[in-house]
PDB file of N, CA and C in Angstrom:
ATOM      1  N   MET A   1      89.341  76.972  75.460  1.00  0.00           N
ATOM      2  CA  MET A   1      88.719  76.450  76.651  1.00  0.00           C
ATOM      3  C   MET A   1      89.422  75.106  77.080  1.00  0.00           C
ATOM      4  N   SER A   2      89.988  75.022  78.202  1.00  0.00           N
ATOM      5  CA  SER A   2      90.963  73.989  78.487  1.00  0.00           C
ATOM      6  C   SER A   2      89.701  72.832  78.784  1.00  0.00           C
ATOM      7  N   PRO A   3      90.408  71.437  78.622  1.00  0.00           N
ATOM      8  CA  PRO A   3      89.339  70.332  78.597  1.00  0.00           C
ATOM      9  C   PRO A   3      89.021  70.100  80.325  1.00  0.00           C
ATOM     10  N   THR A   4      88.004  69.407  80.632  1.00  0.00           N
ATOM     11  CA  THR A   4      87.583  69.389  81.772  1.00  0.00           C
ATOM     12  C   THR A   4      88.269  68.300  82.496  1.00  0.00           C
ATOM     13  N   PRO A   5      88.796  69.028  83.760  1.00  0.00           N
ATOM     14  CA  PRO A   5      89.527  67.872  84.608  1.00  0.00           C
ATOM     15  C   PRO A   5      88.646  66.399  84.841  1.00  0.00           C
ATOM     16  N   LYS A   6      89.463  65.306  84.767  1.00  0.00           N
ATOM     17  CA  LYS A   6      88.493  63.965  84.942  1.00  0.00           C
ATOM     18  C   LYS A   6      88.044  63.826  86.312  1.00  0.00           C
ATOM     19  N   GLY A   7      86.805  63.564  86.585  1.00  0.00           N
ATOM     20  CA  GLY A   7      85.899  63.558  87.801  1.00  0.00           C
ATOM     21  C   GLY A   7      85.216  64.617  88.340  1.00  0.00           C
ATOM     22  N   TRP A   8      85.120  65.839  87.424  1.00  0.00           N
ATOM     23  CA  TRP A   8      84.654  67.358  87.599  1.00  0.00           C
ATOM     24  C   TRP A   8      83.001  67.152  87.043  1.00  0.00           C
ATOM     25  N   GLY A   9      82.851  66.325  86.658  1.00  0.00           N
ATOM     26  CA  GLY A   9      81.429  66.470  86.058  1.00  0.00           C
ATOM     27  C   GLY A   9      81.650  66.904  84.520  1.00  0.00           C
ATOM     28  N   ARG A  10      80.912  66.495  83.833  1.00  0.00           N
ATOM     29  CA  ARG A  10      80.345  66.992  82.327  1.00  0.00           C
ATOM     30  C   ARG A  10      81.194  68.401  82.003  1.00  0.00           C
ATOM     31  N   LYS A  11      80.480  69.139  82.709  1.00  0.00           N
ATOM     32  CA  LYS A  11      80.450  70.950  82.195  1.00  0.00           C
ATOM     33  C   LYS A  11      81.909  71.355  83.492  1.00  0.00           C
ATOM     34  N   GLY A  12      82.352  70.710  84.123  1.00  0.00           N
ATOM     35  CA  GLY A  12      83.545  71.211  84.582  1.00  0.00           C
ATOM     36  C   GLY A  12      83.489  71.286  86.346  1.00  0.00           C
ATOM     37  N   GLY A  13      82.239  71.783  86.483  1.00  0.00           N
ATOM     38  CA  GLY A  13      81.781  71.993  87.961  1.00  0.00           C
ATOM     39  C   GLY A  13      83.017  72.347  88.976  1.00  0.00           C
ATOM     40  N   ASN A  14      82.554  72.438  89.922  1.00  0.00           N
ATOM     41  CA  ASN A  14      83.628  72.444  90.921  1.00  0.00           C
ATOM     42  C   ASN A  14      84.692  71.674  91.287  1.00  0.00           C
ATOM     43  N   PRO A  15      85.923  71.721  91.553  1.00  0.00           N
ATOM     44  CA  PRO A  15      86.950  70.630  91.992  1.00  0.00           C
ATOM     45  C   PRO A  15      86.497  70.142  93.294  1.00  0.00           C
ATOM     46  N   PRO A  16      87.044  68.952  93.403  1.00  0.00           N
ATOM     47  CA  PRO A  16      86.399  68.096  94.769  1.00  0.00           C
ATOM     48  C   PRO A  16      87.083  68.765  95.839  1.00  0.00           C
ATOM     49  N   ILE A  17      86.382  68.535  96.713  1.00  0.00           N
ATOM     50  CA  ILE A  17      86.946  69.593  98.105  1.00  0.00           C
ATOM     51  C   ILE A  17      87.793  68.495  99.041  1.00  0.00           C
ATOM     52  N   ALA A  18      88.957  69.237  98.994  1.00  0.00           N
ATOM     53  CA  ALA A  18      89.806  68.621 100.068  1.00  0.00           C
ATOM     54  C   ALA A  18      89.499  68.462 101.597  1.00  0.00           C
ATOM     55  N   PRO A  19      89.891  67.471 102.379  1.00  0.00           N
ATOM     56  CA  PRO A  19      89.343  67.158 103.821  1.00  0.00           C
ATOM     57  C   PRO A  19      89.098  68.337 104.575  1.00  0.00           C
ATOM     58  N   ASN A  20      90.385  69.350 104.755  1.00  0.00           N
ATOM     59  CA  ASN A  20      90.588  70.386 105.393  1.00  0.00           C
ATOM     60  C   ASN A  20      89.780  71.823 104.756  1.00  0.00           C
ATOM     61  N   GLU A  21      89.028  71.811 103.611  1.00  0.00           N
ATOM     62  CA  GLU A  21      88.596  73.063 103.315  1.00  0.00           C
ATOM     63  C   GLU A  21      86.859  72.614 103.322  1.00  0.00           C
ATOM     64  N   GLY A  22      86.746  73.198 104.531  1.00  0.00           N
ATOM     65  CA  GLY A  22      85.163  73.726 104.661  1.00  0.00           C
ATOM     66  C   GLY A  22      84.343  72.558 104.892  1.00  0.00           C
ATOM     67  N   THR A  23      84.830  71.264 104.978  1.00  0.00           N
ATOM     68  CA  THR A  23      84.066  70.192 105.364  1.00  0.00           C
ATOM     69  C   THR A  23      83.961  69.713 106.663  1.00  0.00           C
ATOM     70  N   SER A  24      83.031  68.792 107.150  1.00  0.00           N
ATOM     71  CA  SER A  24      82.751  68.519 108.203  1.00  0.00           C
ATOM     72  C   SER A  24      82.955  67.201 108.809  1.00  0.00           C
ATOM     73  N   TYR A  25      84.139  66.577 108.563  1.00  0.00           N
ATOM     74  CA  TYR A  25      84.524  65.363 108.630  1.00  0.00           C
ATOM     75  C   TYR A  25      85.108  65.109 110.172  1.00  0.00           C
ATOM     76  N   GLY A  26      84.642  64.098 110.688  1.00  0.00           N
ATOM     77  CA  GLY A  26      84.904  63.914 111.993  1.00  0.00           C
ATOM     78  C   GLY A  26      86.350  63.552 112.217  1.00  0.00           C
ATOM     79  N   VAL A  27      87.096  63.605 113.577  1.00  0.00           N
ATOM     80  CA  VAL A  27      88.078  63.218 113.666  1.00  0.00           C
ATOM     81  C   VAL A  27      88.578  61.946 112.834  1.00  0.00           C
ATOM     82  N   VAL A  28      87.927  60.870 113.289  1.00  0.00           N
ATOM     83  CA  VAL A  28      88.029  59.542 112.870  1.00  0.00           C
ATOM     84  C   VAL A  28      88.101  59.271 111.359  1.00  0.00           C
ATOM     85  N   SER A  29      86.836  59.853 110.602  1.00  0.00           N
ATOM     86  CA  SER A  29      86.955  60.020 109.404  1.00  0.00           C
ATOM     87  C   SER A  29      87.854  60.591 108.516  1.00  0.00           C
ATOM     88  N   HIS A  30      88.412  61.685 109.101  1.00  0.00           N
ATOM     89  CA  HIS A  30      89.546  62.209 108.354  1.00  0.00           C
ATOM     90  C   HIS A  30      90.903  61.431 108.510  1.00  0.00           C
ATOM     91  N   VAL A  31      91.064  60.767 109.600  1.00  0.00           N
ATOM     92  CA  VAL A  31      92.186  59.869 109.737  1.00  0.00           C
ATOM     93  C   VAL A  31      91.933  58.597 108.765  1.00  0.00           C
ATOM     94  N   VAL A  32      90.628  58.052 108.921  1.00  0.00           N
ATOM     95  CA  VAL A  32      90.649  56.916 107.978  1.00  0.00           C
ATOM     96  C   VAL A  32      91.038  57.207 106.478  1.00  0.00           C
ATOM     97  N   LEU A  33      90.244  58.605 106.025  1.00  0.00           N
ATOM     98  CA  LEU A  33      90.620  58.843 104.648  1.00  0.00           C
ATOM     99  C   LEU A  33      91.903  59.125 104.599  1.00  0.00           C
ATOM    100  N   ASP A  34      92.770  59.746 105.336  1.00  0.00           N
ATOM    101  CA  ASP A  34      93.946  59.862 105.159  1.00  0.00           C
ATOM    102  C   ASP A  34      95.023  58.547 105.127  1.00  0.00           C
ATOM    103  N   ALA A  35      94.559  57.675 105.929  1.00  0.00           N
ATOM    104  CA  ALA A  35      95.118  56.482 105.713  1.00  0.00           C
ATOM    105  C   ALA A  35      94.682  55.646 104.440  1.00  0.00           C
ATOM    106  N   MET A  36      93.442  55.707 103.823  1.00  0.00           N
ATOM    107  CA  MET A  36      93.416  55.157 102.614  1.00  0.00           C
ATOM    108  C   MET A  36      93.938  55.635 101.229  1.00  0.00           C
ATOM    109  N   MET A  37      94.272  57.198 101.696  1.00  0.00           N
ATOM    110  CA  MET A  37      94.947  57.904 100.641  1.00  0.00           C
ATOM    111  C   MET A  37      96.452  57.579 100.633  1.00  0.00           C
ATOM    112  N   THR A  38      97.144  57.053 101.572  1.00  0.00           N
ATOM    113  CA  THR A  38      98.318  56.993 101.434  1.00  0.00           C
ATOM    114  C   THR A  38      99.028  55.495 101.855  1.00  0.00           C
ATOM    115  N   ASP A  39      99.936  55.026 101.832  1.00  0.00           N
ATOM    116  CA  ASP A  39     100.946  53.896 101.760  1.00  0.00           C
ATOM    117  C   ASP A  39     101.636  53.565 102.951  1.00  0.00           C
ATOM    118  N   GLU A  40     100.938  53.751 104.247  1.00  0.00           N
ATOM    119  CA  GLU A  40     102.015  53.708 105.516  1.00  0.00           C
ATOM    120  C   GLU A  40     102.342  52.187 105.819  1.00  0.00           C
ATOM    121  N   VAL A  41     101.880  51.123 105.077  1.00  0.00           N
ATOM    122  CA  VAL A  41     102.160  50.002 105.523  1.00  0.00           C
ATOM    123  C   VAL A  41     102.661  49.042 104.308  1.00  0.00           C
ATOM    124  N   HIS A  42     104.111  48.630 104.597  1.00  0.00           N
ATOM    125  CA  HIS A  42     104.583  47.794 103.466  1.00  0.00           C
ATOM    126  C   HIS A  42     104.935  46.655 104.192  1.00  0.00           C
ATOM    127  N   ASN A  43     104.652  45.705 103.202  1.00  0.00           N
ATOM    128  CA  ASN A  43     104.714  44.099 103.813  1.00  0.00           C
ATOM    129  C   ASN A  43     103.722  44.017 105.154  1.00  0.00           C
ATOM    130  N   SER A  44     102.891  44.168 105.201  1.00  0.00           N
ATOM    131  CA  SER A  44     101.929  44.014 106.398  1.00  0.00           C
ATOM    132  C   SER A  44     102.234  43.300 107.256  1.00  0.00           C
ATOM    133  N   PRO A  45     102.623  43.829 108.514  1.00  0.00           N
ATOM    134  CA  PRO A  45     103.162  42.976 109.480  1.00  0.00           C
ATOM    135  C   PRO A  45     101.739  42.198 110.105  1.00  0.00           C
ATOM    136  N   ILE A  46     102.128  41.051 110.662  1.00  0.00           N
ATOM    137  CA  ILE A  46     101.128  40.169 111.338  1.00  0.00           C
ATOM    138  C   ILE A  46     100.919  40.682 112.814  1.00  0.00           C
ATOM    139  N   LEU A  47      99.831  40.785 112.903  1.00  0.00           N
ATOM    140  CA  LEU A  47      99.054  41.400 114.263  1.00  0.00           C
ATOM    141  C   LEU A  47      98.824  40.039 115.040  1.00  0.00           C
ATOM    142  N   SER A  48      99.039  39.995 116.365  1.00  0.00           N
ATOM    143  CA  SER A  48      98.610  38.896 117.147  1.00  0.00           C
ATOM    144  C   SER A  48      97.220  38.965 117.099  1.00  0.00           C
ATOM    145  N   LYS A  49      96.662  37.620 117.638  1.00  0.00           N
ATOM    146  CA  LYS A  49      94.967  37.356 117.766  1.00  0.00           C
ATOM    147  C   LYS A  49      94.338  38.759 118.757  1.00  0.00           C
ATOM    148  N   ARG A  50      95.294  38.855 119.890  1.00  0.00           N
ATOM    149  CA  ARG A  50      94.868  40.020 120.972  1.00  0.00           C
ATOM    150  C   ARG A  50      94.893  41.282 120.166  1.00  0.00           C
ATOM    151  N   GLU A  51      95.861  41.382 119.495  1.00  0.00           N
ATOM    152  CA  GLU A  51      95.892  42.767 118.667  1.00  0.00           C
ATOM    153  C   GLU A  51      94.881  43.103 118.028  1.00  0.00           C
ATOM    154  N   ARG A  52      94.534  42.085 117.227  1.00  0.00           N
ATOM    155  CA  ARG A  52      93.303  41.999 116.008  1.00  0.00           C
ATOM    156  C   ARG A  52      92.151  42.226 116.710  1.00  0.00           C
ATOM    157  N   GLN A  53      91.518  41.364 118.054  1.00  0.00           N
ATOM    158  CA  GLN A  53      90.668  41.653 118.857  1.00  0.00           C
ATOM    159  C   GLN A  53      90.760  43.040 119.139  1.00  0.00           C
ATOM    160  N   CYS A  54      91.437  43.759 119.648  1.00  0.00           N
ATOM    161  CA  CYS A  54      91.485  45.209 120.363  1.00  0.00           C
ATOM    162  C   CYS A  54      91.084  46.067 119.085  1.00  0.00           C
ATOM    163  N   LEU A  55      91.782  46.038 118.042  1.00  0.00           N
ATOM    164  CA  LEU A  55      91.415  46.817 116.721  1.00  0.00           C
ATOM    165  C   LEU A  55      89.968  46.729 116.427  1.00  0.00           C
ATOM    166  N   THR A  56      89.828  45.611 116.123  1.00  0.00           N
ATOM    167  CA  THR A  56      88.187  45.038 116.034  1.00  0.00           C
ATOM    168  C   THR A  56      87.223  45.572 117.165  1.00  0.00           C
ATOM    169  N   TYR A  57      87.589  45.691 118.373  1.00  0.00           N
ATOM    170  CA  TYR A  57      86.539  46.457 119.263  1.00  0.00           C
ATOM    171  C   TYR A  57      86.842  47.784 119.145  1.00  0.00           C
ATOM    172  N   LEU A  58      88.003  48.478 119.120  1.00  0.00           N
ATOM    173  CA  LEU A  58      87.880  49.818 118.692  1.00  0.00           C
ATOM    174  C   LEU A  58      87.371  50.144 117.222  1.00  0.00           C
ATOM    175  N   ALA A  59      87.475  49.634 116.521  1.00  0.00           N
ATOM    176  CA  ALA A  59      86.609  49.741 115.223  1.00  0.00           C
ATOM    177  C   ALA A  59      85.191  49.816 115.278  1.00  0.00           C
ATOM    178  N   GLN A  60      84.580  48.872 116.170  1.00  0.00           N
ATOM    179  CA  GLN A  60      83.125  49.043 116.512  1.00  0.00           C
ATOM    180  C   GLN A  60      82.797  50.317 117.593  1.00  0.00           C
ATOM    181  N   GLY A  61      83.731  50.800 117.894  1.00  0.00           N
ATOM    182  CA  GLY A  61      83.422  51.930 118.705  1.00  0.00           C
ATOM    183  C   GLY A  61      83.381  51.881 120.174  1.00  0.00           C
ATOM    184  N   LEU A  62      83.899  50.662 120.655  1.00  0.00           N
ATOM    185  CA  LEU A  62      84.294  50.462 122.257  1.00  0.00           C
ATOM    186  C   LEU A  62      85.412  51.074 122.812  1.00  0.00           C
ATOM    187  N   ARG A  63      84.911  51.564 123.764  1.00  0.00           N
ATOM    188  CA  ARG A  63      86.297  52.266 124.821  1.00  0.00           C
ATOM    189  C   ARG A  63      87.018  51.112 125.353  1.00  0.00           C
ATOM    190  N   VAL A  64      88.138  51.542 125.692  1.00  0.00           N
ATOM    191  CA  VAL A  64      89.349  50.619 126.070  1.00  0.00           C
ATOM    192  C   VAL A  64      88.929  49.661 127.359  1.00  0.00           C
ATOM    193  N   ILE A  65      88.226  50.284 128.297  1.00  0.00           N
ATOM    194  CA  ILE A  65      87.665  49.617 129.466  1.00  0.00           C
ATOM    195  C   ILE A  65      86.755  48.446 128.895  1.00  0.00           C
ATOM    196  N   ASP A  66      85.607  48.691 128.136  1.00  0.00           N
ATOM    197  CA  ASP A  66      84.974  47.895 127.777  1.00  0.00           C
ATOM    198  C   ASP A  66      85.386  46.943 126.847  1.00  0.00           C
ATOM    199  N   LEU A  67      86.320  46.978 125.564  1.00  0.00           N
ATOM    200  CA  LEU A  67      86.794  46.044 124.953  1.00  0.00           C
ATOM    201  C   LEU A  67      87.883  44.967 125.789  1.00  0.00           C
ATOM    202  N   ALA A  68      88.190  45.452 126.912  1.00  0.00           N
ATOM    203  CA  ALA A  68      89.078  44.928 127.740  1.00  0.00           C
ATOM    204  C   ALA A  68      88.055  43.522 128.819  1.00  0.00           C
ATOM    205  N   ASP A  69      87.213  44.224 129.065  1.00  0.00           N
ATOM    206  CA  ASP A  69      85.959  43.638 129.457  1.00  0.00           C
ATOM    207  C   ASP A  69      85.543  42.385 128.956  1.00  0.00           C
ATOM    208  N   ALA A  70      85.319  42.885 127.430  1.00  0.00           N
ATOM    209  CA  ALA A  70      84.711  41.938 126.312  1.00  0.00           C
ATOM    210  C   ALA A  70      85.592  40.524 125.921  1.00  0.00           C
ATOM    211  N   ILE A  71      86.817  40.928 126.092  1.00  0.00           N
ATOM    212  CA  ILE A  71      87.619  39.677 126.031  1.00  0.00           C
ATOM    213  C   ILE A  71      88.354  39.253 127.046  1.00  0.00           C
ATOM    214  N   GLY A  72      88.082  39.628 128.137  1.00  0.00           N
ATOM    215  CA  GLY A  72      88.597  39.301 129.539  1.00  0.00           C
ATOM    216  C   GLY A  72      90.085  39.465 129.835  1.00  0.00           C
ATOM    217  N   ILE A  73      90.487  40.579 129.731  1.00  0.00           N
ATOM    218  CA  ILE A  73      91.695  41.346 130.014  1.00  0.00           C
ATOM    219  C   ILE A  73      91.557  42.390 130.672  1.00  0.00           C
ATOM    220  N   LYS A  74      92.927  43.003 131.280  1.00  0.00           N
ATOM    221  CA  LYS A  74      92.795  44.220 132.448  1.00  0.00           C
ATOM    222  C   LYS A  74      92.504  45.222 130.869  1.00  0.00           C
ATOM    223  N   PRO A  75      92.091  46.331 131.344  1.00  0.00           N
ATOM    224  CA  PRO A  75      92.422  47.576 130.391  1.00  0.00           C
ATOM    225  C   PRO A  75      93.639  48.062 130.162  1.00  0.00           C
ATOM    226  N   LYS A  76      94.809  47.828 131.354  1.00  0.00           N
ATOM    227  CA  LYS A  76      96.021  48.078 131.013  1.00  0.00           C
ATOM    228  C   LYS A  76      96.764  47.207 129.827  1.00  0.00           C
ATOM    229  N   THR A  77      96.437  45.820 129.933  1.00  0.00           N
ATOM    230  CA  THR A  77      96.736  45.067 128.954  1.00  0.00           C
ATOM    231  C   THR A  77      96.134  45.160 127.614  1.00  0.00           C
ATOM    232  N   ALA A  78      94.922  45.987 127.594  1.00  0.00           N
ATOM    233  CA  ALA A  78      94.585  46.138 126.238  1.00  0.00           C
ATOM    234  C   ALA A  78      95.183  47.395 125.322  1.00  0.00           C
ATOM    235  N   GLU A  79      95.311  48.288 126.461  1.00  0.00           N
ATOM    236  CA  GLU A  79      96.568  49.548 126.166  1.00  0.00           C
ATOM    237  C   GLU A  79      97.648  49.123 125.479  1.00  0.00           C
ATOM    238  N   LYS A  80      98.428  48.022 126.285  1.00  0.00           N
ATOM    239  CA  LYS A  80      99.692  47.555 125.836  1.00  0.00           C
ATOM    240  C   LYS A  80      99.592  46.625 124.193  1.00  0.00           C
ATOM    241  N   GLN A  81      98.226  46.021 123.964  1.00  0.00           N
ATOM    242  CA  GLN A  81      98.061  45.469 122.832  1.00  0.00           C
ATOM    243  C   GLN A  81      97.929  46.350 121.588  1.00  0.00           C
ATOM    244  N   ILE A  82      97.362  47.708 121.985  1.00  0.00           N
ATOM    245  CA  ILE A  82      96.953  48.468 120.999  1.00  0.00           C
ATOM    246  C   ILE A  82      98.056  49.161 120.713  1.00  0.00           C
ATOM    247  N   ALA A  83      98.810  49.650 121.645  1.00  0.00           N
ATOM    248  CA  ALA A  83     100.214  50.142 121.364  1.00  0.00           C
ATOM    249  C   ALA A  83     101.050  49.306 120.505  1.00  0.00           C
ATOM    250  N   SER A  84     101.187  48.064 120.913  1.00  0.00           N
ATOM    251  CA  SER A  84     101.728  47.253 120.069  1.00  0.00           C
ATOM    252  C   SER A  84     101.543  47.033 118.400  1.00  0.00           C
ATOM    253  N   ALA A  85     100.003  47.081 118.113  1.00  0.00           N
ATOM    254  CA  ALA A  85      99.794  46.887 116.848  1.00  0.00           C
ATOM    255  C   ALA A  85      99.783  48.351 116.250  1.00  0.00           C
ATOM    256  N   ARG A  86      99.733  49.452 117.044  1.00  0.00           N
ATOM    257  CA  ARG A  86     100.006  50.621 116.365  1.00  0.00           C
ATOM    258  C   ARG A  86     101.598  50.691 115.799  1.00  0.00           C
ATOM    259  N   ALA A  87     102.334  50.060 116.798  1.00  0.00           N
ATOM    260  CA  ALA A  87     103.811  50.134 116.302  1.00  0.00           C
ATOM    261  C   ALA A  87     104.163  49.252 115.144  1.00  0.00           C
ATOM    262  N   LYS A  88     103.467  48.258 115.098  1.00  0.00           N
ATOM    263  CA  LYS A  88     103.546  47.393 114.014  1.00  0.00           C
ATOM    264  C   LYS A  88     103.229  47.836 112.841  1.00  0.00           C
ATOM    265  N   LEU A  89     101.940  48.727 112.722  1.00  0.00           N
ATOM    266  CA  LEU A  89     101.486  49.294 111.832  1.00  0.00           C
ATOM    267  C   LEU A  89     101.984  50.569 111.172  1.00  0.00           C
ATOM    268  N   GLY A  90     102.673  51.046 112.059  1.00  0.00           N
ATOM    269  CA  GLY A  90     103.142  52.445 112.015  1.00  0.00           C
ATOM    270  C   GLY A  90     102.154  53.488 111.953  1.00  0.00           C
ATOM    271  N   ALA A  91     101.136  53.288 112.909  1.00  0.00           N
ATOM    272  CA  ALA A  91     100.347  54.559 113.182  1.00  0.00           C
ATOM    273  C   ALA A  91     100.400  55.106 114.089  1.00  0.00           C
ATOM    274  N   ALA A  92     100.090  56.444 114.003  1.00  0.00           N
ATOM    275  CA  ALA A  92     100.352  57.658 115.077  1.00  0.00           C
ATOM    276  C   ALA A  92      98.988  57.271 116.103  1.00  0.00           C
ATOM    277  N   THR A  93      97.934  57.233 115.736  1.00  0.00           N
ATOM    278  CA  THR A  93      96.751  57.269 116.358  1.00  0.00           C
ATOM    279  C   THR A  93      96.333  55.968 116.412  1.00  0.00           C
ATOM    280  N   ARG A  94      95.306  55.467 117.450  1.00  0.00           N
ATOM    281  CA  ARG A  94      94.417  54.052 117.489  1.00  0.00           C
ATOM    282  C   ARG A  94      93.644  54.281 116.106  1.00  0.00           C
ATOM    283  N   GLU A  95      92.921  55.455 115.838  1.00  0.00           N
ATOM    284  CA  GLU A  95      92.192  55.292 114.642  1.00  0.00           C
ATOM    285  C   GLU A  95      92.751  55.017 113.339  1.00  0.00           C
ATOM    286  N   GLN A  96      94.068  55.519 112.993  1.00  0.00           N
ATOM    287  CA  GLN A  96      94.996  55.197 112.173  1.00  0.00           C
ATOM    288  C   GLN A  96      95.223  53.755 112.128  1.00  0.00           C
ATOM    289  N   ALA A  97      95.483  53.373 113.407  1.00  0.00           N
ATOM    290  CA  ALA A  97      95.748  51.722 113.283  1.00  0.00           C
ATOM    291  C   ALA A  97      94.558  51.039 112.835  1.00  0.00           C
ATOM    292  N   VAL A  98      93.535  51.449 113.028  1.00  0.00           N
ATOM    293  CA  VAL A  98      92.276  50.668 112.614  1.00  0.00           C
ATOM    294  C   VAL A  98      92.143  50.768 111.207  1.00  0.00           C
ATOM    295  N   ALA A  99      92.055  52.091 110.631  1.00  0.00           N
ATOM    296  CA  ALA A  99      92.265  52.336 109.285  1.00  0.00           C
ATOM    297  C   ALA A  99      92.929  51.361 108.559  1.00  0.00           C
ATOM    298  N   ILE A 100      94.303  51.599 108.877  1.00  0.00           N
ATOM    299  CA  ILE A 100      95.648  50.824 108.098  1.00  0.00           C
ATOM    300  C   ILE A 100      95.197  49.654 107.983  1.00  0.00           C
ATOM    301  N   ALA A 101      94.690  48.592 109.512  1.00  0.00           N
ATOM    302  CA  ALA A 101      94.562  47.007 109.607  1.00  0.00           C
ATOM    303  C   ALA A 101      93.267  46.906 108.572  1.00  0.00           C
ATOM    304  N   ILE A 102      92.133  47.730 108.655  1.00  0.00           N
ATOM    305  CA  ILE A 102      91.167  47.352 107.703  1.00  0.00           C
ATOM    306  C   ILE A 102      91.611  47.644 106.261  1.00  0.00           C
ATOM    307  N   ARG A 103      92.204  48.528 105.810  1.00  0.00           N
ATOM    308  CA  ARG A 103      92.756  48.385 104.529  1.00  0.00           C
ATOM    309  C   ARG A 103      93.662  47.363 103.874  1.00  0.00           C
ATOM    310  N   ASN A 104      94.083  46.875 105.079  1.00  0.00           N
ATOM    311  CA  ASN A 104      95.321  45.710 104.481  1.00  0.00           C
ATOM    312  C   ASN A 104      94.643  44.586 104.742  1.00  0.00           C
ATOM    313  N   ASN A 105      93.224  44.459 105.318  1.00  0.00           N
ATOM    314  CA  ASN A 105      92.637  43.327 105.388  1.00  0.00           C
ATOM    315  C   ASN A 105      93.378  42.256 106.636  1.00  0.00           C
ATOM    316  N   LEU A 106      93.650  42.954 107.635  1.00  0.00           N
ATOM    317  CA  LEU A 106      94.200  42.504 108.823  1.00  0.00           C
ATOM    318  C   LEU A 106      93.215  42.082 109.973  1.00  0.00           C
ATOM    319  N   LEU A 107      92.033  42.845 109.869  1.00  0.00           N
ATOM    320  CA  LEU A 107      90.967  42.487 111.039  1.00  0.00           C
ATOM    321  C   LEU A 107      89.803  41.885 109.994  1.00  0.00           C
TER     322      LEU A 107
END
C-alpha cells in the first residue's frame, strides 16, 4: 500500500478537486483562486491613488458608473484608471487585477 498523499486525510480519501472539475466556483472566485496560486507580479508595481481607489471599489462589487460617482470622476476616466492598473499588474481581467492587488497588499 502506498503512503497517503499529504493533505488527503488520514485514510487517503479523495484527492482535492481542481477548480474545473465539477465545482461551482463563480467567475470571480475562479480568477481569484488562479491569481493566488500563481505569481503574476514581480516587483509589485506602484499603483496611483486613483487606480487603488478604483480597484478597491471594484473589489467591493461596485459597477464602474457607481465607483466613478463615489470618487467624483467620469466613468470613462474610471475605465482608464482600471485599464492602467491592469496593465501595471499584468492582469487579463479586472477581477484578476483586484486579486493580484489584494495578494500583494496594494489595496
